[in-house]
Amino acid sequence: MDITAFYQTFFDEADELLADMEQHLLELDPEEPDIEQLNAIFRAAHSIKGGAGTFGFNILQETTHLLENLLDGARRHEMRLSTDIINLFLETKDIMQDQLDAYKSTQDPDHASFEYICQALRQLALEAQETNEPEAADAQHLKVVAQESATIAGNNNETGEMAVPEGCISLSLCGLNSQEVPLMLEELGNLGTIRQHAETEHGLDAYSGNHSQRRRYCRRSLLCVGT
């Protein structure tokens, strides 16, 4: 069977997916992005990429692939969104629509706009990677601090501090904003099971149950992870 017989089905589905993508992007809050909206945008891009690849619409496939990777990073909290980034995603969506319309008319999509948007998306990916490198280093250092604390005598129960259960470690972290708190909890979860955490005036409190010692780590937020 001639595969071109399925073109129209793909075109119709892609039109709907692009419209859904635009709606979700317009509603997305860059400060506190909704994970369900991000997942919906990612799935739309993934579906368009798959269909474009199936029918040999390579320019649309490559554009969508770059966007899909960035969306995946955003929904995995590996990239922080901003108004400018969302606007770039919307611009990408518009160019994808132009590419789709060109394929509908059996024309080649505009190559200049393709090169422009691919360069913009690759640059954004590079910037996000560079931003994540120091954060990854900080997270690794936090793990080392937690491990070192196992060798420190831990009978330092200061007045006013959270009581640390036996077999736990209390880590104090400062400078956490609302977006960093879930990321840090995820990192600490790699050390054990998080038993308890609580918001304080200065950050986050939690308990960590791999060690019986307490370690203050240049932060005012206490975290505790337990096995």
Protein backbone atom coordinates (compact mmCIF):
# COMPACT_ATOMS: atom_id res chain seq x y z
CA MET A 1 0.00 0.00 0.00
CA ASP A 2 1.19 3.50 -0.85
CA ILE A 3 2.24 5.19 2.40
CA THR A 4 1.12 8.55 1.06
CA ALA A 5 -2.45 7.37 1.60
CA PHE A 6 -1.88 8.01 5.31
CA TYR A 7 -0.50 11.52 4.91
CA GLN A 8 -3.81 13.24 5.51
CA THR A 9 -4.39 11.33 8.74
CA PHE A 10 -1.01 12.47 10.01
CA PHE A 11 -1.61 16.05 8.88
CA ASP A 12 -4.93 16.19 10.75
CA GLU A 13 -3.48 14.67 13.92
CA ALA A 14 -0.43 16.94 13.80
CA ASP A 15 -2.65 20.02 13.43
CA GLU A 16 -4.56 19.00 16.57
CA LEU A 17 -1.39 18.25 18.50
CA LEU A 18 0.16 21.60 17.58
CA ALA A 19 -3.01 23.40 18.68
CA ASP A 20 -2.95 21.53 22.00
CA MET A 21 0.74 22.30 22.41
CA GLU A 22 0.14 26.01 21.88
CA GLN A 23 -2.72 26.09 24.38
CA HIS A 24 -0.67 24.35 27.07
CA LEU A 25 2.34 26.59 26.46
CA LEU A 26 0.21 29.72 26.75
CA GLU A 27 -1.20 28.47 30.06
CA LEU A 28 2.16 27.32 31.45
CA ASP A 29 3.46 29.18 34.51
CA PRO A 30 7.26 29.52 34.14
CA GLU A 31 7.69 29.96 37.90
CA GLU A 32 5.68 26.89 38.90
CA PRO A 33 5.11 24.82 35.75
CA ASP A 34 2.39 22.20 35.99
CA ILE A 35 3.88 18.76 35.42
CA GLU A 36 0.75 17.49 33.66
CA GLN A 37 0.91 20.35 31.18
CA LEU A 38 4.60 19.69 30.57
CA ASN A 39 3.89 16.00 30.03
CA ALA A 40 1.09 16.84 27.58
CA ILE A 41 3.36 19.17 25.58
CA PHE A 42 6.11 16.54 25.58
CA ARG A 43 3.74 13.80 24.39
CA ALA A 44 2.47 16.03 21.57
CA ALA A 45 6.00 16.70 20.38
CA HIS A 46 6.90 13.02 20.68
CA SER A 47 3.90 11.98 18.57
CA ILE A 48 4.62 14.56 15.87
CA LYS A 49 8.26 13.53 15.73
CA GLY A 50 7.32 9.88 15.34
CA GLY A 51 4.84 10.55 12.55
CA ALA A 52 7.20 12.90 10.74
CA GLY A 53 9.93 10.26 10.86
CA THR A 54 7.58 7.59 9.55
CA PHE A 55 6.64 9.63 6.49
CA GLY A 56 10.09 11.00 5.81
CA PHE A 57 9.34 14.60 6.79
CA ASN A 58 12.89 15.03 8.01
CA ILE A 59 12.94 18.77 8.66
CA LEU A 60 9.85 18.57 10.83
CA GLN A 61 11.25 15.50 12.57
CA GLU A 62 14.58 17.20 13.40
CA THR A 63 12.91 20.38 14.65
CA THR A 64 10.54 18.43 16.85
CA HIS A 65 13.34 16.20 18.13
CA LEU A 66 15.26 19.21 19.47
CA LEU A 67 12.13 20.62 21.08
CA GLU A 68 11.24 17.23 22.57
CA ASN A 69 14.63 16.92 24.27
CA LEU A 70 14.27 20.34 25.89
CA LEU A 71 10.74 19.56 27.05
CA ASP A 72 11.98 16.32 28.54
CA GLY A 73 14.61 18.25 30.48
CA ALA A 74 11.99 20.69 31.75
CA ARG A 75 9.64 18.00 32.98
CA ARG A 76 12.54 16.20 34.68
CA HIS A 77 13.48 19.45 36.46
CA GLU A 78 16.79 19.51 34.62
CA MET A 79 16.03 22.87 33.05
CA ARG A 80 14.30 25.84 34.64
CA LEU A 81 11.70 27.50 32.50
CA SER A 82 11.37 31.23 31.93
CA THR A 83 9.09 33.47 29.90
CA ASP A 84 11.77 33.71 27.20
CA ILE A 85 12.10 29.93 26.99
CA ILE A 86 8.34 29.46 26.71
CA ASN A 87 8.26 32.12 23.99
CA LEU A 88 10.97 30.21 22.15
CA PHE A 89 8.90 27.04 22.42
CA LEU A 90 5.90 28.90 21.01
CA GLU A 91 8.04 30.21 18.15
CA THR A 92 9.20 26.65 17.52
CA LYS A 93 5.60 25.52 17.40
CA ASP A 94 4.80 28.20 14.79
CA ILE A 95 7.73 27.09 12.62
CA MET A 96 6.66 23.46 12.98
CA GLN A 97 3.20 24.50 11.77
CA ASP A 98 4.77 26.23 8.75
CA GLN A 99 6.80 23.10 8.04
CA LEU A 100 3.69 20.93 8.28
CA ASP A 101 1.78 23.24 5.94
CA ALA A 102 4.63 23.03 3.43
CA TYR A 103 4.49 19.24 3.47
CA LYS A 104 0.74 19.41 2.97
CA SER A 105 1.37 21.37 -0.23
CA THR A 106 4.14 18.98 -1.30
CA GLN A 107 6.65 21.81 -0.89
CA ASP A 108 9.97 21.84 0.94
CA PRO A 109 9.84 23.72 4.26
CA ASP A 110 11.74 26.99 4.50
CA HIS A 111 15.36 26.08 5.17
CA ALA A 112 16.38 29.44 6.67
CA SER A 113 13.76 29.27 9.43
CA PHE A 114 14.70 25.63 10.03
CA GLU A 115 18.37 26.52 10.52
CA TYR A 116 17.45 29.47 12.73
CA ILE A 117 15.19 27.56 15.11
CA CYS A 118 17.52 24.56 15.32
CA GLN A 119 20.40 26.86 16.27
CA ALA A 120 18.25 28.59 18.90
CA LEU A 121 17.14 25.28 20.42
CA ARG A 122 20.67 23.86 20.42
CA GLN A 123 21.95 27.01 22.11
CA LEU A 124 19.26 26.72 24.78
CA ALA A 125 20.21 23.08 25.37
CA LEU A 126 23.86 24.08 25.74
CA GLU A 127 23.04 26.83 28.23
CA ALA A 128 20.87 24.46 30.25
CA GLN A 129 23.68 21.91 30.35
CA GLU A 130 26.19 24.50 31.53
CA THR A 131 23.78 25.65 34.24
CA ASN A 132 23.25 22.10 35.47
CA GLU A 133 26.96 21.28 35.78
CA PRO A 134 27.59 23.30 38.97
CA GLU A 135 24.30 22.08 40.43
CA ALA A 136 25.33 18.48 39.82
CA ALA A 137 28.65 19.19 41.51
CA ASP A 138 26.85 20.67 44.53
CA ALA A 139 24.59 17.63 44.75
CA GLN A 140 27.60 15.30 44.67
CA HIS A 141 29.30 17.35 47.39
CA LEU A 142 26.18 17.06 49.51
CA LYS A 143 26.38 13.26 49.25
CA VAL A 144 30.02 13.35 50.33
CA VAL A 145 29.14 15.53 53.32
CA ALA A 146 26.41 13.12 54.36
CA GLN A 147 28.80 10.18 54.12
CA GLU A 148 31.51 11.97 56.07
CA SER A 149 29.06 12.78 58.84
CA ALA A 150 28.85 9.07 59.67
CA THR A 151 32.29 9.34 61.27
CA ILE A 152 31.50 12.39 63.41
CA ALA A 153 30.37 12.04 67.02
CA GLY A 154 26.76 13.07 67.08
CA ASN A 155 25.63 14.00 70.57
CA ASN A 156 25.09 17.63 69.69
CA ASN A 157 21.41 18.18 70.44
CA GLU A 158 21.15 21.97 70.62
CA THR A 159 18.14 23.62 72.20
CA GLY A 160 15.51 24.61 69.69
CA GLU A 161 16.69 22.21 67.01
CA MET A 162 14.55 19.40 65.61
CA ALA A 163 14.97 16.17 67.57
CA VAL A 164 16.93 13.70 65.46
CA PRO A 165 15.72 10.09 65.78
CA GLU A 166 18.26 7.37 66.44
CA GLY A 167 19.95 6.20 63.25
CA CYS A 168 19.26 9.48 61.46
CA ILE A 169 21.28 12.39 60.15
CA SER A 170 20.07 15.98 60.03
CA LEU A 171 21.44 18.14 57.22
CA SER A 172 21.09 21.92 57.29
CA LEU A 173 20.72 23.57 53.87
CA CYS A 174 20.38 27.27 53.10
CA GLY A 175 19.49 29.27 50.04
CA LEU A 176 16.77 26.97 48.75
CA ASN A 177 13.94 28.52 46.79
CA SER A 178 10.60 26.91 46.03
CA GLN A 179 11.91 25.31 42.81
CA GLU A 180 15.08 23.93 44.39
CA VAL A 181 13.34 22.18 47.30
CA PRO A 182 11.91 19.25 45.25
CA LEU A 183 15.21 18.90 43.39
CA MET A 184 17.16 18.64 46.63
CA LEU A 185 14.67 16.16 48.07
CA GLU A 186 15.15 14.03 44.95
CA GLU A 187 18.92 14.12 45.40
CA LEU A 188 18.66 13.20 49.08
CA GLY A 189 16.34 10.38 48.17
CA ASN A 190 19.33 8.74 46.51
CA LEU A 191 20.92 8.43 49.97
CA GLY A 192 17.98 6.66 51.58
CA THR A 193 14.25 7.02 52.21
CA ILE A 194 13.02 10.46 53.22
CA ARG A 195 11.06 10.00 56.45
CA GLN A 196 10.18 13.57 57.29
CA HIS A 197 10.64 17.10 56.05
CA ALA A 198 9.14 20.39 57.15
CA GLU A 199 9.16 23.94 55.86
CA THR A 200 10.82 26.52 58.11
CA GLU A 201 11.12 30.27 57.83
CA HIS A 202 14.46 29.83 56.12
CA GLY A 203 13.90 26.68 54.10
CA LEU A 204 13.21 23.01 54.47
CA ASP A 205 13.56 20.63 57.42
CA ALA A 206 13.85 16.90 57.02
CA TYR A 207 15.30 13.80 58.64
CA SER A 208 17.76 11.34 57.20
CA GLY A 209 18.18 7.89 58.65
CA ASN A 210 21.44 6.42 57.48
CA HIS A 211 23.60 7.72 60.33
CA SER A 212 23.20 8.69 63.98
CA GLN A 213 25.22 11.89 63.68
CA ARG A 214 24.07 15.35 62.74
CA ARG A 215 25.93 17.52 60.29
CA ARG A 216 25.29 21.23 59.66
CA TYR A 217 26.07 21.96 56.02
CA CYS A 218 26.12 25.74 55.50
CA ARG A 219 22.32 25.75 55.18
CA ARG A 220 19.45 26.71 57.42
CA SER A 221 17.15 24.09 55.97
CA LEU A 222 17.26 20.74 57.75
CA LEU A 223 16.78 17.56 55.78
CA CYS A 224 16.63 14.06 57.09
CA VAL A 225 16.71 10.89 54.98
CA GLY A 226 16.05 7.50 56.50
CA THR A 227 16.28 3.95 55.31
